[in-house]
């Protein structure tokens, strides 16, 4: 596993504490310094690696930039509040796993690529804990947890079937994050799938939301619960909107950490790998299509023994193939968006 890191940026951001971060990153694999490079320059360096080698990007977008792909559903998409389309672009690390200049490989890469995002400089200790945690070859705990917005019961059950789990589906509503039994239900579970709603605006992005037809939004699960759960060795998949979103503020500074970002909360709790999306997810109400469909393919790959990085690549390839052979022209924009925004956080070489 090759570690893509901005050494100069790390030293500038973390000053006297930078060496500890660099040492923790070096413990994961050989460092590839991308100081001063834009996405094109970083892409060229990654592409020069042997094709079978995976890549782990260390740091958020302020340290290692991501690609911004156009949103093919821009004219029809709605955000959580029902306003005009909110997703002007799609942050994606996927293109780093393809051949430079190959447009198709922006959506379906050939090289496993993952990221471990950091947050503000003040959260360095948490970031170090995450880097040190994913370094081990940790066994996946027994047990499973799945929670979904009530309106997404069917796609959640379809994903659960692919996960080969039989625990009851927790639905929100009626369950909310105020349920005192919820932390114990997620605690120390190895296979986790969450299909709640996500938000892209502060402070609501710290939570995931439950909803049912005719009911108000309720907080179904929070980063507060997830970061205090014991998830050492867990594999987590979110079908929720914005669960991988780590956008920067107007000053190009990170505003997310384990206190307000669910994927980062899971990593801090010990999850070895997390699948999630950077933007709003298209979800069918009658089955596992689009976002949940991709997650279904990911779990099937994991259960067949594939690494996390390869499982995501193969799931993207299968979704693209299905769309081209049996989908309609109207489906393609939603499929393309699903492929572009699906990210992997944590160790790309982790297995179930």
Protein backbone atom coordinates (compact mmCIF):
# COMPACT_ATOMS: atom_id res chain seq x y z
CA UNK A 1 0.00 0.00 0.00
CA UNK A 2 1.41 3.36 -1.08
CA UNK A 3 0.78 6.41 1.10
CA UNK A 4 0.04 9.65 -0.73
CA UNK A 5 0.89 12.56 1.56
CA UNK A 6 1.67 16.26 1.33
CA UNK A 7 4.77 16.44 3.52
CA UNK A 8 5.17 20.22 3.22
CA UNK A 9 1.48 20.75 3.96
CA UNK A 10 1.63 18.46 6.99
CA UNK A 11 4.61 20.34 8.40
CA UNK A 12 2.90 23.69 7.84
CA UNK A 13 -0.40 22.59 9.34
CA UNK A 14 0.90 20.65 12.35
CA UNK A 15 4.23 22.43 13.00
CA UNK A 16 6.15 20.77 15.83
CA UNK A 17 3.75 17.82 15.93
CA UNK A 18 4.11 16.98 12.24
CA UNK A 19 6.78 14.31 12.67
CA UNK A 20 4.46 12.10 14.69
CA UNK A 21 1.95 12.17 11.86
CA UNK A 22 4.60 11.43 9.24
CA UNK A 23 5.88 8.51 11.31
CA UNK A 24 2.36 7.10 11.70
CA UNK A 25 1.79 7.40 7.95
CA UNK A 26 5.14 5.74 7.16
CA UNK A 27 4.16 2.79 9.32
CA UNK A 28 1.37 2.08 6.82
CA UNK A 29 3.57 1.93 3.72
CA UNK A 30 6.09 3.83 1.59
CA UNK A 31 5.38 7.56 1.44
CA UNK A 32 4.70 9.30 -1.87
CA UNK A 33 5.28 13.01 -1.26
CA UNK A 34 2.92 15.14 -3.39
CA UNK A 35 3.85 18.53 -1.92
CA UNK A 36 2.95 21.36 -4.26
CA UNK A 37 1.13 19.18 -6.80
CA UNK A 38 -2.39 19.63 -8.10
CA UNK A 39 -4.72 16.72 -8.90
CA UNK A 40 -3.14 16.23 -12.33
CA UNK A 41 0.37 16.02 -10.91
CA UNK A 42 -0.68 13.67 -8.13
CA UNK A 43 -2.55 11.53 -10.64
CA UNK A 44 0.55 11.16 -12.80
CA UNK A 45 2.65 10.03 -9.84
CA UNK A 46 0.07 7.46 -8.78
CA UNK A 47 -0.30 6.18 -12.34
CA UNK A 48 3.44 5.45 -12.45
CA UNK A 49 3.06 2.85 -9.69
CA UNK A 50 2.70 -0.85 -10.56
CA UNK A 51 -0.96 -1.37 -11.48
CA UNK A 52 -1.67 -3.89 -8.73
CA UNK A 53 -0.63 -1.60 -5.88
CA UNK A 54 -3.26 0.19 -3.80
CA UNK A 55 -3.11 3.80 -2.64
CA UNK A 56 -4.08 5.45 0.63
CA UNK A 57 -4.40 9.25 0.65
CA UNK A 58 -3.55 10.70 4.05
CA UNK A 59 -5.29 13.96 4.91
CA UNK A 60 -8.31 15.97 3.87
CA UNK A 61 -8.77 18.15 0.82
CA UNK A 62 -6.67 20.96 2.30
CA UNK A 63 -3.65 18.64 2.22
CA UNK A 64 -4.36 16.43 -0.81
CA UNK A 65 -6.96 17.85 -3.22
CA UNK A 66 -9.70 15.75 -4.72
CA UNK A 67 -11.22 15.85 -8.18
CA UNK A 68 -14.41 17.84 -8.69
CA UNK A 69 -16.59 16.09 -11.26
CA UNK A 70 -19.69 17.59 -12.84
CA UNK A 71 -23.04 16.46 -11.45
CA UNK A 72 -24.97 14.75 -14.27
CA UNK A 73 -28.26 15.06 -12.35
CA UNK A 74 -27.88 18.77 -11.63
CA UNK A 75 -31.08 19.85 -13.33
CA UNK A 76 -33.34 17.34 -11.60
CA UNK A 77 -31.77 16.77 -8.22
CA UNK A 78 -33.27 18.04 -4.98
CA UNK A 79 -31.70 18.40 -1.59
CA UNK A 80 -33.16 17.36 1.73
CA UNK A 81 -35.32 20.48 2.01
CA UNK A 82 -36.81 20.07 -1.44
CA UNK A 83 -35.08 23.12 -2.91
CA UNK A 84 -33.32 23.32 -6.24
CA UNK A 85 -30.31 21.06 -6.77
CA UNK A 86 -27.64 21.59 -4.11
CA UNK A 87 -24.88 19.40 -5.50
CA UNK A 88 -23.10 21.65 -7.97
CA UNK A 89 -20.16 19.27 -8.22
CA UNK A 90 -19.02 15.89 -6.92
CA UNK A 91 -15.79 15.53 -4.93
CA UNK A 92 -14.25 12.22 -5.95
CA UNK A 93 -10.99 10.39 -5.30
CA UNK A 94 -12.01 7.76 -7.85
CA UNK A 95 -10.09 9.29 -10.77
CA UNK A 96 -6.81 8.76 -8.91
CA UNK A 97 -7.36 5.05 -9.46
CA UNK A 98 -7.65 5.31 -13.24
CA UNK A 99 -5.41 6.10 -16.17
CA UNK A 100 -4.92 9.85 -16.72
CA UNK A 101 -7.09 10.99 -19.60
CA UNK A 102 -9.39 7.95 -19.44
CA UNK A 103 -12.83 9.42 -18.72
CA UNK A 104 -14.50 6.06 -18.09
CA UNK A 105 -11.95 5.23 -15.39
CA UNK A 106 -12.91 8.37 -13.50
CA UNK A 107 -16.11 6.53 -12.64
CA UNK A 108 -14.84 2.93 -12.67
CA UNK A 109 -11.18 2.97 -11.62
CA UNK A 110 -8.79 0.05 -11.87
CA UNK A 111 -6.59 0.79 -8.84
CA UNK A 112 -7.91 0.66 -5.24
CA UNK A 113 -7.80 4.15 -3.74
CA UNK A 114 -8.85 5.13 -0.24
CA UNK A 115 -8.46 8.20 1.96
CA UNK A 116 -8.11 8.83 5.66
CA UNK A 117 -9.25 12.43 6.08
CA UNK A 118 -7.94 14.59 8.89
CA UNK A 119 -9.78 17.57 10.33
CA UNK A 120 -8.64 20.85 11.89
CA UNK A 121 -5.12 20.90 13.31
CA UNK A 122 -6.55 20.77 16.84
CA UNK A 123 -7.89 17.26 16.13
CA UNK A 124 -4.43 15.78 15.46
CA UNK A 125 -4.57 13.30 18.34
CA UNK A 126 -7.75 11.78 16.94
CA UNK A 127 -6.20 11.55 13.50
CA UNK A 128 -3.11 9.82 14.85
CA UNK A 129 -5.35 7.31 16.63
CA UNK A 130 -7.09 6.54 13.34
CA UNK A 131 -3.84 6.04 11.42
CA UNK A 132 -2.46 3.75 14.09
CA UNK A 133 -5.74 1.87 14.29
CA UNK A 134 -6.01 0.95 10.62
CA UNK A 135 -2.39 -0.25 10.54
CA UNK A 136 -3.26 -3.56 12.17
CA UNK A 137 -4.72 -6.63 10.50
CA UNK A 138 -7.78 -6.63 12.70
CA UNK A 139 -10.40 -9.35 12.74
CA UNK A 140 -13.98 -8.30 12.07
CA UNK A 141 -16.11 -8.67 15.22
CA UNK A 142 -19.15 -10.90 15.19
CA UNK A 143 -22.58 -9.35 15.05
CA UNK A 144 -24.24 -6.77 12.83
CA UNK A 145 -26.13 -3.50 12.98
CA UNK A 146 -28.43 -1.96 10.42
CA UNK A 147 -30.55 1.16 10.67
CA UNK A 148 -32.65 2.87 8.03
CA UNK A 149 -35.18 5.60 7.58
CA UNK A 150 -38.60 3.97 7.70
CA UNK A 151 -39.32 4.92 4.08
CA UNK A 152 -36.25 2.94 2.97
CA UNK A 153 -37.20 -0.34 4.62
CA UNK A 154 -37.15 -2.43 1.44
CA UNK A 155 -33.75 -1.36 0.07
CA UNK A 156 -32.28 -1.76 3.56
CA UNK A 157 -33.62 -5.31 3.78
CA UNK A 158 -32.17 -6.08 0.34
CA UNK A 159 -28.75 -4.84 1.47
CA UNK A 160 -29.04 -6.89 4.67
CA UNK A 161 -29.65 -10.00 2.59
CA UNK A 162 -26.43 -9.32 0.66
CA UNK A 163 -24.64 -8.82 3.99
CA UNK A 164 -25.92 -12.23 5.11
CA UNK A 165 -27.22 -10.86 8.40
CA UNK A 166 -30.46 -11.59 10.20
CA UNK A 167 -30.58 -8.98 12.97
CA UNK A 168 -33.79 -6.93 13.01
CA UNK A 169 -33.80 -3.74 10.98
CA UNK A 170 -33.93 -0.65 13.20
CA UNK A 171 -36.24 1.93 11.66
CA UNK A 172 -36.30 5.65 12.29
CA UNK A 173 -38.88 6.79 13.17
CA UNK A 174 -39.88 5.56 15.70
CA UNK A 175 -36.28 5.06 16.86
CA UNK A 176 -34.24 8.22 17.37
CA UNK A 177 -30.76 8.88 18.70
CA UNK A 178 -32.36 9.56 22.10
CA UNK A 179 -33.13 5.84 22.42
CA UNK A 180 -30.89 4.75 25.28
CA UNK A 181 -30.54 1.25 23.81
CA UNK A 182 -29.13 2.47 20.49
CA UNK A 183 -25.45 2.83 21.53
CA UNK A 184 -25.39 -0.75 22.81
CA UNK A 185 -26.91 -2.01 19.57
CA UNK A 186 -24.13 -0.57 17.40
CA UNK A 187 -21.35 -1.21 19.94
CA UNK A 188 -18.77 -3.84 18.89
CA UNK A 189 -20.61 -4.92 15.74
CA UNK A 190 -18.57 -6.09 12.77
CA UNK A 191 -20.93 -5.59 9.81
CA UNK A 192 -22.73 -2.27 9.76
CA UNK A 193 -25.05 -0.70 7.20
CA UNK A 194 -26.82 2.63 7.69
CA UNK A 195 -29.42 4.02 5.29
CA UNK A 196 -30.61 7.21 6.95
CA UNK A 197 -30.72 10.71 5.47
CA UNK A 198 -27.70 12.98 5.62
CA UNK A 199 -27.47 16.76 5.55
CA UNK A 200 -24.98 19.08 3.86
CA UNK A 201 -25.39 22.08 6.12
CA UNK A 202 -24.12 22.85 9.62
CA UNK A 203 -24.98 21.90 12.32
CA UNK A 204 -27.35 19.23 10.97
CA UNK A 205 -24.56 17.35 9.19
CA UNK A 206 -23.43 15.98 12.57
CA UNK A 207 -26.52 13.74 12.50
CA UNK A 208 -28.26 11.25 10.29
CA UNK A 209 -31.99 11.64 9.91
CA UNK A 210 -34.96 9.30 9.99
CA UNK A 211 -38.12 9.96 8.04
CA UNK A 212 -41.34 8.31 6.96
CA UNK A 213 -44.06 9.48 4.63
CA UNK A 214 -46.07 12.18 6.37
CA UNK A 215 -43.78 12.34 9.40
CA UNK A 216 -41.28 15.02 10.45
CA UNK A 217 -37.52 14.59 10.29
CA UNK A 218 -36.03 13.04 13.41
CA UNK A 219 -32.41 12.41 14.36
CA UNK A 220 -31.90 8.71 13.81
CA UNK A 221 -28.21 8.37 14.61
CA UNK A 222 -25.43 10.78 15.42
CA UNK A 223 -21.69 11.09 15.07
CA UNK A 224 -21.70 11.48 18.85
CA UNK A 225 -22.98 7.92 19.27
CA UNK A 226 -20.72 6.48 16.58
CA UNK A 227 -17.50 8.01 17.84
CA UNK A 228 -18.08 6.60 21.31
CA UNK A 229 -18.97 3.11 20.13
CA UNK A 230 -16.33 0.38 20.06
CA UNK A 231 -16.03 -0.54 16.40
CA UNK A 232 -12.50 -1.95 16.36
CA UNK A 233 -12.13 -3.99 13.18
CA UNK A 234 -15.62 -3.16 11.91
CA UNK A 235 -16.60 -2.70 8.27
CA UNK A 236 -19.12 0.11 7.82
CA UNK A 237 -21.19 1.03 4.78
CA UNK A 238 -23.40 4.11 4.54
CA UNK A 239 -26.07 4.49 1.90
CA UNK A 240 -26.85 7.84 3.53
CA UNK A 241 -26.39 11.15 1.71
CA UNK A 242 -23.23 13.14 2.47
CA UNK A 243 -21.76 10.51 4.81
CA UNK A 244 -18.32 10.99 3.21
CA UNK A 245 -18.56 14.77 2.78
CA UNK A 246 -15.46 16.63 4.01
CA UNK A 247 -15.72 19.91 2.10
CA UNK A 248 -13.63 22.92 3.13
CA UNK A 249 -14.88 26.29 4.31
CA UNK A 250 -14.39 29.56 2.44
CA UNK A 251 -10.87 29.84 3.87
CA UNK A 252 -9.89 26.41 2.50
CA UNK A 253 -9.88 24.99 6.02
CA UNK A 254 -11.45 21.69 7.12
CA UNK A 255 -14.62 21.94 9.20
CA UNK A 256 -15.28 18.28 9.81
CA UNK A 257 -13.84 15.85 12.33
CA UNK A 258 -15.09 12.90 14.37
CA UNK A 259 -17.45 15.13 16.33
CA UNK A 260 -19.57 16.09 13.33
CA UNK A 261 -18.83 13.65 10.50
CA UNK A 262 -20.17 10.12 10.69
CA UNK A 263 -17.50 8.34 8.61
CA UNK A 264 -14.70 10.01 10.56
CA UNK A 265 -16.49 9.10 13.79
CA UNK A 266 -16.52 5.44 12.75
CA UNK A 267 -12.81 5.53 11.90
CA UNK A 268 -12.00 7.06 15.28
CA UNK A 269 -14.03 4.30 16.94
CA UNK A 270 -11.81 1.72 15.27
CA UNK A 271 -13.55 0.84 12.00
CA UNK A 272 -10.97 -0.45 9.56
CA UNK A 273 -12.83 0.67 6.47
CA UNK A 274 -15.88 2.80 5.66
CA UNK A 275 -17.84 3.04 2.40
CA UNK A 276 -19.80 6.27 1.92
CA UNK A 277 -20.68 9.03 -0.57
CA UNK A 278 -19.73 12.69 -0.75
CA UNK A 279 -23.05 13.96 -2.06
CA UNK A 280 -26.78 13.22 -1.99
CA UNK A 281 -27.49 9.59 -2.79
CA UNK A 282 -30.17 8.36 -5.12
CA UNK A 283 -32.15 5.63 -3.37
CA UNK A 284 -35.06 3.62 -4.71
CA UNK A 285 -37.93 2.91 -2.33
CA UNK A 286 -38.71 -0.55 -3.73
CA UNK A 287 -35.31 -2.21 -3.92
CA UNK A 288 -31.56 -1.90 -3.82
CA UNK A 289 -30.81 0.33 -6.80
CA UNK A 290 -28.38 3.22 -7.27
CA UNK A 291 -26.69 3.93 -3.89
CA UNK A 292 -27.94 0.86 -1.99
CA UNK A 293 -27.42 -1.22 -5.12
CA UNK A 294 -23.74 -0.31 -5.14
CA UNK A 295 -23.47 -1.11 -1.43
CA UNK A 296 -25.11 -4.48 -2.06
CA UNK A 297 -22.41 -5.32 -4.60
CA UNK A 298 -19.72 -4.15 -2.16
CA UNK A 299 -20.93 -6.53 0.55
CA UNK A 300 -21.10 -9.42 -1.90
CA UNK A 301 -17.50 -8.73 -2.86
CA UNK A 302 -16.35 -8.52 0.74
CA UNK A 303 -18.07 -11.79 1.57
CA UNK A 304 -16.30 -13.47 -1.33
CA UNK A 305 -12.96 -12.53 0.21
CA UNK A 306 -12.08 -9.38 -1.73
CA UNK A 307 -10.26 -6.47 -0.14
CA UNK A 308 -12.26 -3.32 0.56
CA UNK A 309 -10.62 -1.47 -2.31
CA UNK A 310 -11.19 -4.23 -4.84
CA UNK A 311 -14.77 -4.79 -3.64
CA UNK A 312 -15.60 -1.15 -4.37
CA UNK A 313 -13.95 -1.27 -7.82
CA UNK A 314 -15.83 -4.43 -8.78
CA UNK A 315 -19.11 -3.06 -7.41
CA UNK A 316 -18.70 0.05 -9.55
CA UNK A 317 -17.88 -2.05 -12.59
CA UNK A 318 -20.96 -4.22 -12.05
CA UNK A 319 -23.27 -1.24 -11.56
CA UNK A 320 -21.93 0.39 -14.74
CA UNK A 321 -22.32 -2.85 -16.69
CA UNK A 322 -25.88 -3.36 -15.48
CA UNK A 323 -26.79 0.20 -16.42
CA UNK A 324 -25.40 -0.18 -19.92
CA UNK A 325 -27.01 -3.56 -20.60
CA UNK A 326 -30.38 -3.36 -18.86
CA UNK A 327 -30.89 0.26 -17.80
CA UNK A 328 -32.48 3.12 -19.69
CA UNK A 329 -31.05 6.42 -20.87
CA UNK A 330 -32.95 8.09 -18.05
CA UNK A 331 -31.13 5.90 -15.51
CA UNK A 332 -27.62 6.76 -16.64
CA UNK A 333 -27.18 10.18 -14.97
CA UNK A 334 -28.11 8.69 -11.60
CA UNK A 335 -25.81 5.73 -12.11
CA UNK A 336 -22.94 8.01 -13.13
CA UNK A 337 -23.43 10.14 -10.04
CA UNK A 338 -23.56 7.06 -7.82
CA UNK A 339 -20.27 5.86 -9.28
CA UNK A 340 -18.53 9.23 -8.99
CA UNK A 341 -19.36 10.00 -5.38
CA UNK A 342 -18.79 6.59 -3.77
CA UNK A 343 -15.62 6.76 -1.67
CA UNK A 344 -13.60 4.46 0.56
CA UNK A 345 -12.18 5.74 3.85
CA UNK A 346 -9.74 3.68 5.87
CA UNK A 347 -7.60 0.76 4.81
CA UNK A 348 -8.14 -0.29 1.16
CA UNK A 349 -6.52 -3.66 1.86
CA UNK A 350 -8.82 -4.55 4.75
CA UNK A 351 -10.93 -7.66 4.39
CA UNK A 352 -14.09 -8.85 6.04
